[in-house]
Amino acid sequence: PINPAGAFDYAHAPQQFHLTFTSDVHLQAGDLTITGPTGIVPASNFAFTYDPATFTATWRVTGLPRNQLPDGNYHAAMNAAAVTDAAGNALAANLSVDFFALTADANHDRSVDFDDLVKLAQNYNTSGKTWIQGDFSGDGNVDFDDLVLLAQRYNIRLAEPAAAAAGLPISSSLRFNPSAAPMRTVGCVLSQPVTPTT
C-alpha cells in the first residue's frame, strides 16, 4: 500500500519529498505543488531530480533555514495530466498527500516534549548523528544549537489538519489512462525513509 508518511523525509539533511513510480515517467519540477501554513512553497525552495533507473522523483528543500520546511501542516498535490509514461498515458487521478514538519520532533509524533529531549540528551556533544538522534540542525552534530531549537518549541503540539484535501485516496494505486492500445498499469509508491538505529 502507498504510505503517505513516507513521502516526506523529515529526518534527511536536507529534507526531501519522494515519489517513486513503478515505471519510467515524464515529469517536471513544477508538476508537484506543496502548500504550507503560509501558502504555496516557492519552486525555488526545491531542488528537483529524477532518477530514471529507480523511477524516483525527489524534491530537496533548499534556500530555507537548515534546508528544512518551516513548522506546520503541508499538502502535496500533482495534477493527473501532468505526469505521463512512455506511451503518453496520464495518471488516472490527481495525487494528494498530507504531511507535516516540526523541528525538534525527534520521534515525529507532532509534539516536542520530554521524549525528544531524551534523544538529544543521550547523544549530546557527539557527532555523526541524525535527526532521530537529536541532530535537528542537520549538521551531523548534537550540541547547543540543537538544544536551542528544541527549547524554542518545548511543549508545542502541532494540530492535525482539519481535513485532507480532495484527491487520490492514499490507499489507491496510481494508474495511467490509456490513450491507445491495451491499458498499461503504472503505479506510484511513496518511499519510506530509513529510520536510523538509536
Protein backbone atom coordinates (compact mmCIF):
# COMPACT_ATOMS: atom_id res chain seq x y z
CA PRO A 1 0.00 0.00 0.00
CA ILE A 2 1.00 3.62 -0.51
CA ASN A 3 2.43 5.17 2.66
CA PRO A 4 1.87 8.95 2.75
CA ALA A 5 4.07 9.37 5.81
CA GLY A 6 6.98 8.04 3.83
CA ALA A 7 6.70 10.66 1.09
CA PHE A 8 8.27 13.41 3.18
CA ASP A 9 11.70 12.50 4.55
CA TYR A 10 11.79 14.85 7.54
CA ALA A 11 14.91 13.19 9.01
CA HIS A 12 17.09 13.67 5.93
CA ALA A 13 19.52 16.60 5.68
CA PRO A 14 18.31 18.39 3.62
CA GLN A 15 14.68 17.40 4.00
CA GLN A 16 13.11 15.95 0.86
CA PHE A 17 9.91 14.71 -0.71
CA HIS A 18 9.95 11.49 -2.77
CA LEU A 19 7.69 9.92 -5.34
CA THR A 20 8.70 6.53 -6.69
CA PHE A 21 6.83 5.23 -9.74
CA THR A 22 6.67 1.62 -10.91
CA SER A 23 7.88 2.53 -14.40
CA ASP A 24 9.55 5.39 -16.21
CA VAL A 25 7.54 8.63 -16.41
CA HIS A 26 7.90 12.11 -17.79
CA LEU A 27 7.52 14.91 -15.24
CA GLN A 28 8.99 18.27 -14.30
CA ALA A 29 9.80 20.01 -11.03
CA GLY A 30 6.71 22.23 -11.19
CA ASP A 31 4.33 19.29 -11.61
CA LEU A 32 4.26 18.91 -7.82
CA THR A 33 2.80 21.75 -5.74
CA ILE A 34 3.44 21.85 -1.99
CA THR A 35 1.28 24.16 0.10
CA GLY A 36 2.13 25.02 3.69
CA PRO A 37 1.00 27.32 6.51
CA THR A 38 1.85 30.47 4.53
CA GLY A 39 0.69 29.27 1.12
CA ILE A 40 2.44 27.59 -1.79
CA VAL A 41 6.11 26.87 -1.13
CA PRO A 42 8.05 28.56 -3.98
CA ALA A 43 9.57 26.23 -6.55
CA SER A 44 12.91 27.93 -5.87
CA ASN A 45 12.91 26.27 -2.45
CA PHE A 46 13.15 22.81 -4.00
CA ALA A 47 15.95 21.21 -5.99
CA PHE A 48 14.37 18.63 -8.29
CA THR A 49 15.96 15.43 -9.57
CA TYR A 50 14.57 12.37 -11.33
CA ASP A 51 16.35 9.02 -11.39
CA PRO A 52 15.23 7.00 -14.45
CA ALA A 53 16.93 3.90 -13.07
CA THR A 54 14.69 3.78 -9.99
CA PHE A 55 11.77 5.89 -11.36
CA THR A 56 12.15 8.15 -8.33
CA ALA A 57 11.44 11.89 -8.31
CA THR A 58 12.93 13.88 -5.45
CA TRP A 59 12.30 17.46 -4.36
CA ARG A 60 15.05 18.54 -1.91
CA VAL A 61 14.43 21.55 0.32
CA THR A 62 16.87 24.37 -0.37
CA GLY A 63 17.19 28.07 0.39
CA LEU A 64 15.40 27.82 3.75
CA PRO A 65 16.95 27.83 7.25
CA ARG A 66 18.74 24.50 7.81
CA ASN A 67 17.24 23.37 4.46
CA GLN A 68 14.09 22.40 6.36
CA LEU A 69 10.46 23.30 5.85
CA PRO A 70 9.04 25.68 8.48
CA ASP A 71 6.88 24.09 11.17
CA GLY A 72 3.35 23.35 10.02
CA ASN A 73 0.99 21.12 8.07
CA TYR A 74 1.62 20.65 4.35
CA HIS A 75 -0.27 19.37 1.35
CA ALA A 76 1.40 17.99 -1.79
CA ALA A 77 -0.64 17.83 -4.98
CA MET A 78 0.02 16.71 -8.52
CA ASN A 79 -2.39 17.05 -11.44
CA ALA A 80 -3.11 13.73 -13.15
CA ALA A 81 -2.48 15.16 -16.61
CA ALA A 82 0.98 16.43 -15.65
CA VAL A 83 2.64 13.01 -15.48
CA THR A 84 2.81 10.58 -18.38
CA ASP A 85 4.51 7.28 -19.14
CA ALA A 86 6.49 6.41 -22.26
CA ALA A 87 3.28 5.75 -24.20
CA GLY A 88 1.85 9.15 -23.26
CA ASN A 89 -0.69 7.74 -20.82
CA ALA A 90 -1.62 10.13 -18.00
CA LEU A 91 -2.38 9.37 -14.36
CA ALA A 92 -5.98 8.33 -13.79
CA ALA A 93 -6.43 10.60 -10.76
CA ASN A 94 -4.79 13.54 -9.04
CA LEU A 95 -2.17 12.85 -6.37
CA SER A 96 -2.90 14.26 -2.92
CA VAL A 97 -0.67 13.77 0.14
CA ASP A 98 -0.75 15.47 3.54
CA PHE A 99 2.32 15.63 5.79
CA PHE A 100 3.86 17.87 8.44
CA ALA A 101 7.15 19.39 9.56
CA LEU A 102 8.07 20.15 13.17
CA THR A 103 11.64 20.96 14.15
CA ALA A 104 12.99 19.06 17.18
CA ASP A 105 10.24 16.45 16.98
CA ALA A 106 12.68 13.53 17.01
CA ASN A 107 10.07 10.76 17.03
CA HIS A 108 7.77 12.57 14.59
CA ASP A 109 4.66 12.37 16.77
CA ARG A 110 3.62 16.03 16.28
CA SER A 111 4.88 17.03 19.74
CA VAL A 112 8.15 18.42 21.07
CA ASP A 113 8.37 17.04 24.57
CA PHE A 114 10.43 15.04 27.07
CA ASP A 115 10.75 12.08 24.69
CA ASP A 116 12.57 14.31 22.18
CA LEU A 117 14.72 15.86 24.92
CA VAL A 118 15.81 12.37 25.99
CA LYS A 119 17.04 11.58 22.45
CA LEU A 120 19.03 14.79 22.40
CA ALA A 121 20.45 14.24 25.90
CA GLN A 122 21.54 10.69 25.07
CA ASN A 123 23.65 11.97 22.17
CA TYR A 124 24.71 15.41 23.43
CA ASN A 125 28.19 16.54 22.36
CA THR A 126 28.56 13.75 19.81
CA SER A 127 28.92 13.80 16.02
CA GLY A 128 27.82 11.64 13.12
CA LYS A 129 24.23 11.71 14.36
CA THR A 130 20.84 12.02 12.68
CA TRP A 131 17.60 13.91 13.31
CA ILE A 132 16.15 10.95 15.19
CA GLN A 133 19.21 11.03 17.46
CA GLY A 134 18.85 14.75 18.23
CA ASP A 135 20.61 16.48 15.32
CA PHE A 136 17.84 18.93 14.49
CA SER A 137 20.08 21.42 12.69
CA GLY A 138 21.21 18.87 10.12
CA ASP A 139 24.95 19.41 10.61
CA GLY A 140 25.67 15.92 11.96
CA ASN A 141 26.37 17.16 15.48
CA VAL A 142 24.18 17.08 18.58
CA ASP A 143 25.07 20.22 20.50
CA PHE A 144 23.81 23.50 21.92
CA ASP A 145 22.35 24.59 18.58
CA ASP A 146 20.03 21.58 18.67
CA LEU A 147 19.14 22.19 22.30
CA VAL A 148 18.11 25.75 21.42
CA LEU A 149 15.86 24.51 18.59
CA LEU A 150 14.19 22.09 20.99
CA ALA A 151 13.86 24.62 23.82
CA GLN A 152 12.16 27.11 21.49
CA ARG A 153 9.45 24.53 20.75
CA TYR A 154 9.23 22.60 24.00
CA ASN A 155 5.68 21.52 24.88
CA ILE A 156 4.42 22.53 21.44
CA ARG A 157 1.98 20.18 19.73
CA LEU A 158 1.16 20.60 16.05
CA ALA A 159 -2.56 20.05 15.47
CA GLU A 160 -3.76 17.66 12.79
CA PRO A 161 -5.07 19.33 9.60
CA ALA A 162 -8.83 19.94 9.69
CA ALA A 163 -9.45 17.64 6.74
CA ALA A 164 -7.47 16.00 3.98
CA ALA A 165 -7.77 17.79 0.67
CA ALA A 166 -9.68 16.08 -2.11
CA GLY A 167 -7.64 13.93 -4.44
CA LEU A 168 -6.42 10.41 -4.93
CA PRO A 169 -7.04 8.23 -1.85
CA ILE A 170 -3.69 7.27 -0.36
CA SER A 171 -4.66 3.60 -0.30
CA SER A 172 -5.15 3.57 -4.08
CA SER A 173 -2.52 2.91 -6.71
CA LEU A 174 -1.88 5.39 -9.46
CA ARG A 175 -2.92 4.10 -12.85
CA PHE A 176 -2.50 5.59 -16.29
CA ASN A 177 -5.43 6.17 -18.62
CA PRO A 178 -4.60 4.56 -21.95
CA SER A 179 -4.58 6.89 -24.90
CA ALA A 180 -4.34 3.87 -27.18
CA ALA A 181 -3.74 0.12 -27.06
CA PRO A 182 -4.40 -2.09 -24.01
CA MET A 183 -4.28 -0.38 -20.65
CA ARG A 184 -0.88 -0.33 -19.07
CA THR A 185 -0.92 -0.12 -15.28
CA VAL A 186 1.69 2.14 -13.79
CA GLY A 187 1.73 2.68 -10.07
CA CYS A 188 3.37 5.15 -7.75
CA VAL A 189 4.58 4.41 -4.24
CA LEU A 190 5.82 6.92 -1.70
CA SER A 191 9.20 5.93 -0.38
CA GLN A 192 9.61 5.29 3.34
CA PRO A 193 12.65 7.00 4.88
CA VAL A 194 15.04 4.65 6.63
CA THR A 195 14.83 5.06 10.40
CA PRO A 196 18.35 5.19 11.87
CA THR A 197 19.09 3.00 14.83
CA THR A 198 19.25 4.81 18.12
